[in-house]
Amino acid sequence: MENRIKELRKQKNITQENLADALSVTRQTIISLEGGRYNASLQLAYKLAKFFGVKIEDVFIFEEE
């Protein structure tokens, strides 16, 4: 699943480390999410959307196959 985490993070001018700290996850988790190697749990997806002040659908791009 694609996402806009890196784009949203850069808009807020925060580092991967800052975002990881704010969400109580590791920097490696953020790196994996941004690289598309890891899909967020529903709980983490909600935290990301809330942190950026957007809907979950604005963070994650779901393409039906």
PDB file of N, CA and C in Angstrom:
ATOM      1  N   MET A   1       0.849  -1.168   0.000  1.00  0.00           N
ATOM      2  CA  MET A   1       0.000   0.000   0.000  1.00  0.00           C
ATOM      3  C   MET A   1       0.902   1.240   0.000  1.00  0.00           C
ATOM      4  N   GLU A   2       0.613   2.147  -0.882  1.00  0.00           N
ATOM      5  CA  GLU A   2       1.394   3.387  -0.937  1.00  0.00           C
ATOM      6  C   GLU A   2       0.915   4.352   0.141  1.00  0.00           C
ATOM      7  N   ASN A   3       1.798   5.294   0.486  1.00  0.00           N
ATOM      8  CA  ASN A   3       1.424   6.291   1.482  1.00  0.00           C
ATOM      9  C   ASN A   3       2.107   7.622   1.186  1.00  0.00           C
ATOM     10  N   ARG A   4       1.650   8.651   1.874  1.00  0.00           N
ATOM     11  CA  ARG A   4       2.186  10.005   1.712  1.00  0.00           C
ATOM     12  C   ARG A   4       2.911  10.462   2.974  1.00  0.00           C
ATOM     13  N   ILE A   5       3.407   9.538   3.768  1.00  0.00           N
ATOM     14  CA  ILE A   5       4.019   9.892   5.049  1.00  0.00           C
ATOM     15  C   ILE A   5       5.214  10.808   4.860  1.00  0.00           C
ATOM     16  N   LYS A   6       6.103  10.458   3.950  1.00  0.00           N
ATOM     17  CA  LYS A   6       7.302  11.277   3.733  1.00  0.00           C
ATOM     18  C   LYS A   6       6.913  12.687   3.293  1.00  0.00           C
ATOM     19  N   GLU A   7       5.974  12.773   2.369  1.00  0.00           N
ATOM     20  CA  GLU A   7       5.500  14.079   1.881  1.00  0.00           C
ATOM     21  C   GLU A   7       4.899  14.911   3.015  1.00  0.00           C
ATOM     22  N   LEU A   8       4.039  14.296   3.807  1.00  0.00           N
ATOM     23  CA  LEU A   8       3.407  15.010   4.923  1.00  0.00           C
ATOM     24  C   LEU A   8       4.434  15.409   5.978  1.00  0.00           C
ATOM     25  N   ARG A   9       5.392  14.535   6.221  1.00  0.00           N
ATOM     26  CA  ARG A   9       6.440  14.825   7.205  1.00  0.00           C
ATOM     27  C   ARG A   9       7.282  16.013   6.758  1.00  0.00           C
ATOM     28  N   LYS A  10       7.630  16.045   5.483  1.00  0.00           N
ATOM     29  CA  LYS A  10       8.447  17.144   4.967  1.00  0.00           C
ATOM     30  C   LYS A  10       7.669  18.463   4.975  1.00  0.00           C
ATOM     31  N   GLN A  11       6.363  18.398   4.742  1.00  0.00           N
ATOM     32  CA  GLN A  11       5.530  19.605   4.805  1.00  0.00           C
ATOM     33  C   GLN A  11       5.570  20.222   6.195  1.00  0.00           C
ATOM     34  N   LYS A  12       5.626  19.363   7.222  1.00  0.00           N
ATOM     35  CA  LYS A  12       5.691  19.836   8.609  1.00  0.00           C
ATOM     36  C   LYS A  12       7.124  20.116   9.045  1.00  0.00           C
ATOM     37  N   ASN A  13       8.087  19.809   8.141  1.00  0.00           N
ATOM     38  CA  ASN A  13       9.501  20.050   8.407  1.00  0.00           C
ATOM     39  C   ASN A  13       9.978  19.339   9.674  1.00  0.00           C
ATOM     40  N   ILE A  14       9.644  18.046   9.770  1.00  0.00           N
ATOM     41  CA  ILE A  14      10.099  17.256  10.909  1.00  0.00           C
ATOM     42  C   ILE A  14      10.910  16.057  10.409  1.00  0.00           C
ATOM     43  N   THR A  15      11.773  15.576  11.251  1.00  0.00           N
ATOM     44  CA  THR A  15      12.631  14.454  10.897  1.00  0.00           C
ATOM     45  C   THR A  15      11.897  13.130  11.146  1.00  0.00           C
ATOM     46  N   GLN A  16      12.478  12.071  10.608  1.00  0.00           N
ATOM     47  CA  GLN A  16      11.935  10.743  10.872  1.00  0.00           C
ATOM     48  C   GLN A  16      11.995  10.443  12.363  1.00  0.00           C
ATOM     49  N   GLU A  17      13.066  10.872  13.005  1.00  0.00           N
ATOM     50  CA  GLU A  17      13.234  10.649  14.450  1.00  0.00           C
ATOM     51  C   GLU A  17      12.152  11.377  15.245  1.00  0.00           C
ATOM     52  N   ASN A  18      11.862  12.638  14.864  1.00  0.00           N
ATOM     53  CA  ASN A  18      10.821  13.401  15.552  1.00  0.00           C
ATOM     54  C   ASN A  18       9.460  12.735  15.404  1.00  0.00           C
ATOM     55  N   LEU A  19       9.171  12.271  14.196  1.00  0.00           N
ATOM     56  CA  LEU A  19       7.890  11.610  13.951  1.00  0.00           C
ATOM     57  C   LEU A  19       7.802  10.308  14.740  1.00  0.00           C
ATOM     58  N   ALA A  20       8.875   9.543  14.727  1.00  0.00           N
ATOM     59  CA  ALA A  20       8.916   8.287  15.482  1.00  0.00           C
ATOM     60  C   ALA A  20       8.663   8.546  16.967  1.00  0.00           C
ATOM     61  N   ASP A  21       9.320   9.548  17.515  1.00  0.00           N
ATOM     62  CA  ASP A  21       9.132   9.886  18.931  1.00  0.00           C
ATOM     63  C   ASP A  21       7.686  10.282  19.216  1.00  0.00           C
ATOM     64  N   ALA A  22       7.095  11.081  18.330  1.00  0.00           N
ATOM     65  CA  ALA A  22       5.719  11.546  18.525  1.00  0.00           C
ATOM     66  C   ALA A  22       4.719  10.393  18.492  1.00  0.00           C
ATOM     67  N   LEU A  23       5.049   9.341  17.740  1.00  0.00           N
ATOM     68  CA  LEU A  23       4.129   8.207  17.595  1.00  0.00           C
ATOM     69  C   LEU A  23       4.496   7.016  18.471  1.00  0.00           C
ATOM     70  N   SER A  24       5.579   7.153  19.234  1.00  0.00           N
ATOM     71  CA  SER A  24       6.065   6.075  20.100  1.00  0.00           C
ATOM     72  C   SER A  24       6.415   4.812  19.316  1.00  0.00           C
ATOM     73  N   VAL A  25       7.098   5.025  18.190  1.00  0.00           N
ATOM     74  CA  VAL A  25       7.624   3.915  17.401  1.00  0.00           C
ATOM     75  C   VAL A  25       9.100   4.190  17.139  1.00  0.00           C
ATOM     76  N   THR A  26       9.778   3.255  16.508  1.00  0.00           N
ATOM     77  CA  THR A  26      11.194   3.465  16.212  1.00  0.00           C
ATOM     78  C   THR A  26      11.353   4.211  14.886  1.00  0.00           C
ATOM     79  N   ARG A  27      12.519   4.794  14.721  1.00  0.00           N
ATOM     80  CA  ARG A  27      12.833   5.467  13.459  1.00  0.00           C
ATOM     81  C   ARG A  27      12.816   4.441  12.330  1.00  0.00           C
ATOM     82  N   GLN A  28      13.242   3.225  12.615  1.00  0.00           N
ATOM     83  CA  GLN A  28      13.229   2.163  11.600  1.00  0.00           C
ATOM     84  C   GLN A  28      11.814   1.888  11.105  1.00  0.00           C
ATOM     85  N   THR A  29      10.836   1.981  11.984  1.00  0.00           N
ATOM     86  CA  THR A  29       9.437   1.798  11.573  1.00  0.00           C
ATOM     87  C   THR A  29       9.043   2.874  10.574  1.00  0.00           C
ATOM     88  N   ILE A  30       9.417   4.112  10.850  1.00  0.00           N
ATOM     89  CA  ILE A  30       9.097   5.217   9.937  1.00  0.00           C
ATOM     90  C   ILE A  30       9.793   5.007   8.596  1.00  0.00           C
ATOM     91  N   ILE A  31      11.059   4.615   8.637  1.00  0.00           N
ATOM     92  CA  ILE A  31      11.807   4.349   7.405  1.00  0.00           C
ATOM     93  C   ILE A  31      11.108   3.261   6.593  1.00  0.00           C
ATOM     94  N   SER A  32      10.690   2.188   7.259  1.00  0.00           N
ATOM     95  CA  SER A  32      10.020   1.078   6.579  1.00  0.00           C
ATOM     96  C   SER A  32       8.665   1.495   6.013  1.00  0.00           C
ATOM     97  N   LEU A  33       7.935   2.303   6.751  1.00  0.00           N
ATOM     98  CA  LEU A  33       6.646   2.808   6.263  1.00  0.00           C
ATOM     99  C   LEU A  33       6.851   3.672   5.025  1.00  0.00           C
ATOM    100  N   GLU A  34       7.772   4.616   5.102  1.00  0.00           N
ATOM    101  CA  GLU A  34       8.013   5.525   3.984  1.00  0.00           C
ATOM    102  C   GLU A  34       8.513   4.771   2.756  1.00  0.00           C
ATOM    103  N   GLY A  35       9.270   3.714   2.962  1.00  0.00           N
ATOM    104  CA  GLY A  35       9.804   2.927   1.860  1.00  0.00           C
ATOM    105  C   GLY A  35       8.839   1.893   1.311  1.00  0.00           C
ATOM    106  N   GLY A  36       7.674   1.762   1.940  1.00  0.00           N
ATOM    107  CA  GLY A  36       6.679   0.809   1.475  1.00  0.00           C
ATOM    108  C   GLY A  36       6.974  -0.632   1.833  1.00  0.00           C
ATOM    109  N   ARG A  37       7.901  -0.847   2.757  1.00  0.00           N
ATOM    110  CA  ARG A  37       8.250  -2.211   3.152  1.00  0.00           C
ATOM    111  C   ARG A  37       7.400  -2.712   4.324  1.00  0.00           C
ATOM    112  N   TYR A  38       6.604  -1.825   4.885  1.00  0.00           N
ATOM    113  CA  TYR A  38       5.802  -2.167   6.062  1.00  0.00           C
ATOM    114  C   TYR A  38       4.472  -1.440   5.958  1.00  0.00           C
ATOM    115  N   ASN A  39       3.383  -2.138   6.220  1.00  0.00           N
ATOM    116  CA  ASN A  39       2.066  -1.510   6.258  1.00  0.00           C
ATOM    117  C   ASN A  39       1.681  -1.265   7.711  1.00  0.00           C
ATOM    118  N   ALA A  40       1.212  -0.089   7.970  1.00  0.00           N
ATOM    119  CA  ALA A  40       0.849   0.301   9.331  1.00  0.00           C
ATOM    120  C   ALA A  40      -0.373  -0.464   9.820  1.00  0.00           C
ATOM    121  N   SER A  41      -0.379  -0.746  11.105  1.00  0.00           N
ATOM    122  CA  SER A  41      -1.577  -1.294  11.733  1.00  0.00           C
ATOM    123  C   SER A  41      -2.646  -0.199  11.727  1.00  0.00           C
ATOM    124  N   LEU A  42      -3.871  -0.580  11.983  1.00  0.00           N
ATOM    125  CA  LEU A  42      -4.949   0.407  12.024  1.00  0.00           C
ATOM    126  C   LEU A  42      -4.675   1.446  13.107  1.00  0.00           C
ATOM    127  N   GLN A  43      -4.173   1.002  14.245  1.00  0.00           N
ATOM    128  CA  GLN A  43      -3.874   1.918  15.340  1.00  0.00           C
ATOM    129  C   GLN A  43      -2.795   2.926  14.928  1.00  0.00           C
ATOM    130  N   LEU A  44      -1.738   2.462  14.281  1.00  0.00           N
ATOM    131  CA  LEU A  44      -0.674   3.357  13.851  1.00  0.00           C
ATOM    132  C   LEU A  44      -1.161   4.275  12.730  1.00  0.00           C
ATOM    133  N   ALA A  45      -1.983   3.760  11.830  1.00  0.00           N
ATOM    134  CA  ALA A  45      -2.547   4.584  10.759  1.00  0.00           C
ATOM    135  C   ALA A  45      -3.367   5.725  11.352  1.00  0.00           C
ATOM    136  N   TYR A  46      -4.149   5.424  12.370  1.00  0.00           N
ATOM    137  CA  TYR A  46      -4.952   6.444  13.047  1.00  0.00           C
ATOM    138  C   TYR A  46      -4.052   7.492  13.701  1.00  0.00           C
ATOM    139  N   LYS A  47      -2.991   7.036  14.368  1.00  0.00           N
ATOM    140  CA  LYS A  47      -2.063   7.967  15.022  1.00  0.00           C
ATOM    141  C   LYS A  47      -1.395   8.886  14.000  1.00  0.00           C
ATOM    142  N   LEU A  48      -1.011   8.314  12.860  1.00  0.00           N
ATOM    143  CA  LEU A  48      -0.389   9.120  11.806  1.00  0.00           C
ATOM    144  C   LEU A  48      -1.355  10.178  11.289  1.00  0.00           C
ATOM    145  N   ALA A  49      -2.572   9.773  10.991  1.00  0.00           N
ATOM    146  CA  ALA A  49      -3.569  10.716  10.476  1.00  0.00           C
ATOM    147  C   ALA A  49      -3.847  11.818  11.498  1.00  0.00           C
ATOM    148  N   LYS A  50      -3.982  11.441  12.743  1.00  0.00           N
ATOM    149  CA  LYS A  50      -4.243  12.421  13.799  1.00  0.00           C
ATOM    150  C   LYS A  50      -3.057  13.381  13.943  1.00  0.00           C
ATOM    151  N   PHE A  51      -1.846  12.851  13.896  1.00  0.00           N
ATOM    152  CA  PHE A  51      -0.646  13.686  14.020  1.00  0.00           C
ATOM    153  C   PHE A  51      -0.595  14.730  12.910  1.00  0.00           C
ATOM    154  N   PHE A  52      -0.904  14.310  11.681  1.00  0.00           N
ATOM    155  CA  PHE A  52      -0.834  15.228  10.546  1.00  0.00           C
ATOM    156  C   PHE A  52      -2.107  16.061  10.374  1.00  0.00           C
ATOM    157  N   GLY A  53      -3.153  15.738  11.134  1.00  0.00           N
ATOM    158  CA  GLY A  53      -4.396  16.503  11.060  1.00  0.00           C
ATOM    159  C   GLY A  53      -5.182  16.246   9.780  1.00  0.00           C
ATOM    160  N   VAL A  54      -5.107  15.002   9.289  1.00  0.00           N
ATOM    161  CA  VAL A  54      -5.814  14.617   8.065  1.00  0.00           C
ATOM    162  C   VAL A  54      -6.553  13.305   8.304  1.00  0.00           C
ATOM    163  N   LYS A  55      -7.328  12.883   7.294  1.00  0.00           N
ATOM    164  CA  LYS A  55      -8.010  11.596   7.372  1.00  0.00           C
ATOM    165  C   LYS A  55      -7.037  10.487   6.994  1.00  0.00           C
ATOM    166  N   ILE A  56      -7.301   9.288   7.459  1.00  0.00           N
ATOM    167  CA  ILE A  56      -6.455   8.132   7.126  1.00  0.00           C
ATOM    168  C   ILE A  56      -6.326   7.999   5.607  1.00  0.00           C
ATOM    169  N   GLU A  57      -7.415   8.259   4.896  1.00  0.00           N
ATOM    170  CA  GLU A  57      -7.401   8.146   3.436  1.00  0.00           C
ATOM    171  C   GLU A  57      -6.453   9.146   2.791  1.00  0.00           C
ATOM    172  N   ASP A  58      -6.122  10.219   3.508  1.00  0.00           N
ATOM    173  CA  ASP A  58      -5.193  11.219   2.982  1.00  0.00           C
ATOM    174  C   ASP A  58      -3.742  10.834   3.223  1.00  0.00           C
ATOM    175  N   VAL A  59      -3.523   9.860   4.091  1.00  0.00           N
ATOM    176  CA  VAL A  59      -2.163   9.377   4.367  1.00  0.00           C
ATOM    177  C   VAL A  59      -1.864   8.147   3.521  1.00  0.00           C
ATOM    178  N   PHE A  60      -2.817   7.235   3.420  1.00  0.00           N
ATOM    179  CA  PHE A  60      -2.611   5.968   2.719  1.00  0.00           C
ATOM    180  C   PHE A  60      -3.414   5.913   1.437  1.00  0.00           C
ATOM    181  N   ILE A  61      -2.780   5.406   0.396  1.00  0.00           N
ATOM    182  CA  ILE A  61      -3.415   5.299  -0.909  1.00  0.00           C
ATOM    183  C   ILE A  61      -3.735   3.823  -1.148  1.00  0.00           C
ATOM    184  N   PHE A  62      -5.002   3.502  -1.052  1.00  0.00           N
ATOM    185  CA  PHE A  62      -5.433   2.122  -1.223  1.00  0.00           C
ATOM    186  C   PHE A  62      -5.883   1.927  -2.655  1.00  0.00           C
ATOM    187  N   GLU A  63      -5.233   1.017  -3.355  1.00  0.00           N
ATOM    188  CA  GLU A  63      -5.591   0.706  -4.729  1.00  0.00           C
ATOM    189  C   GLU A  63      -6.175  -0.697  -4.773  1.00  0.00           C
ATOM    190  N   GLU A  64      -7.431  -0.784  -5.164  1.00  0.00           N
ATOM    191  CA  GLU A  64      -8.057  -2.099  -5.243  1.00  0.00           C
ATOM    192  C   GLU A  64      -7.479  -2.858  -6.413  1.00  0.00           C
ATOM    193  N   GLU A  65      -7.241  -4.135  -6.190  1.00  0.00           N
ATOM    194  CA  GLU A  65      -6.658  -4.958  -7.248  1.00  0.00           C
ATOM    195  C   GLU A  65      -7.711  -5.717  -7.996  1.00  0.00           C
TER     196      GLU A  65
END
